[in-house]
Amino acid sequence: MTQDFLITDQVGAWLFEPMTEAALKFVGEKVNFDEWLWRGQSFVVDYRGAGALAEDLEDEGFTVMTRH
C-alpha cells in the first residue's frame, strides 16, 4: 500500500512528507504554509497540532504512516 504522507515525530515538531502527487496537490491547494516551514521535501508542524492534522488528512482519505 502506498502511503500518501510519511510523518516523522521529532519530539517538539513533526515532519509531514507528502509522498504522492495527490498529497502534494492537496498541500499546495488546501494547506497554507510559509516557505520557511519546509525542510527539504517535508513541512514542519508543531507537535500540539500535528495529531489533529494527521487525523484531518485521514478524514480526507489519505493514508499516513508515522515513524518515531
Protein backbone atom coordinates (compact mmCIF):
# COMPACT_ATOMS: atom_id res chain seq x y z
CA MET A 1 0.00 0.00 0.00
CA THR A 2 1.33 3.40 -0.94
CA GLN A 3 1.41 5.95 1.85
CA ASP A 4 0.32 9.46 0.97
CA PHE A 5 2.13 11.06 3.89
CA LEU A 6 5.12 9.96 5.93
CA ILE A 7 5.07 11.62 9.35
CA THR A 8 8.22 11.68 11.46
CA ASP A 9 7.96 12.56 15.15
CA GLN A 10 10.83 14.89 16.03
CA VAL A 11 9.70 15.39 19.68
CA GLY A 12 8.79 19.12 19.60
CA ALA A 13 7.75 19.10 15.97
CA TRP A 14 6.53 16.60 13.41
CA LEU A 15 7.68 16.43 9.81
CA PHE A 16 4.99 15.72 7.22
CA GLU A 17 6.32 14.48 3.89
CA PRO A 18 3.83 14.25 1.02
CA MET A 19 4.69 11.01 -0.81
CA THR A 20 2.20 11.03 -3.71
CA GLU A 21 1.12 13.52 -6.35
CA ALA A 22 -2.34 13.68 -4.75
CA ALA A 23 -0.79 14.56 -1.39
CA LEU A 24 1.43 17.25 -2.92
CA LYS A 25 -1.55 18.72 -4.77
CA PHE A 26 -3.66 18.74 -1.61
CA VAL A 27 -0.95 20.51 0.39
CA GLY A 28 -0.48 23.06 -2.37
CA GLU A 29 -4.20 23.80 -2.67
CA LYS A 30 -5.62 23.31 0.83
CA VAL A 31 -2.82 23.78 3.34
CA ASN A 32 -1.25 27.21 3.59
CA PHE A 33 2.30 27.00 4.94
CA ASP A 34 5.02 29.61 4.78
CA GLU A 35 8.13 28.62 2.85
CA TRP A 36 10.27 28.63 5.98
CA LEU A 37 8.24 25.70 7.36
CA TRP A 38 9.51 23.44 4.58
CA ARG A 39 12.56 21.33 5.37
CA GLY A 40 13.57 19.56 2.19
CA GLN A 41 10.55 17.56 1.00
CA SER A 42 8.75 17.85 4.38
CA PHE A 43 6.91 20.60 6.18
CA VAL A 44 7.20 21.15 9.92
CA VAL A 45 4.18 21.17 12.24
CA ASP A 46 4.26 21.93 15.97
CA TYR A 47 3.55 18.78 17.98
CA ARG A 48 0.45 20.35 19.57
CA GLY A 49 -1.40 20.49 16.24
CA ALA A 50 0.28 17.63 14.41
CA GLY A 51 -2.03 14.89 15.64
CA ALA A 52 -5.11 16.83 14.58
CA LEU A 53 -3.59 17.47 11.15
CA ALA A 54 -2.82 13.76 10.73
CA GLU A 55 -6.43 12.93 11.62
CA ASP A 56 -7.71 15.56 9.18
CA LEU A 57 -5.58 14.06 6.41
CA GLU A 58 -7.01 10.61 7.13
CA ASP A 59 -10.53 12.08 7.12
CA GLU A 60 -9.75 13.44 3.65
CA GLY A 61 -8.98 9.89 2.54
CA PHE A 62 -5.18 9.99 2.68
CA THR A 63 -3.10 7.21 4.17
CA VAL A 64 -0.44 8.20 6.66
CA MET A 65 2.45 6.35 8.24
CA THR A 66 4.11 7.61 11.40
CA ARG A 67 7.65 6.84 12.48
CA HIS A 68 9.40 7.90 15.64
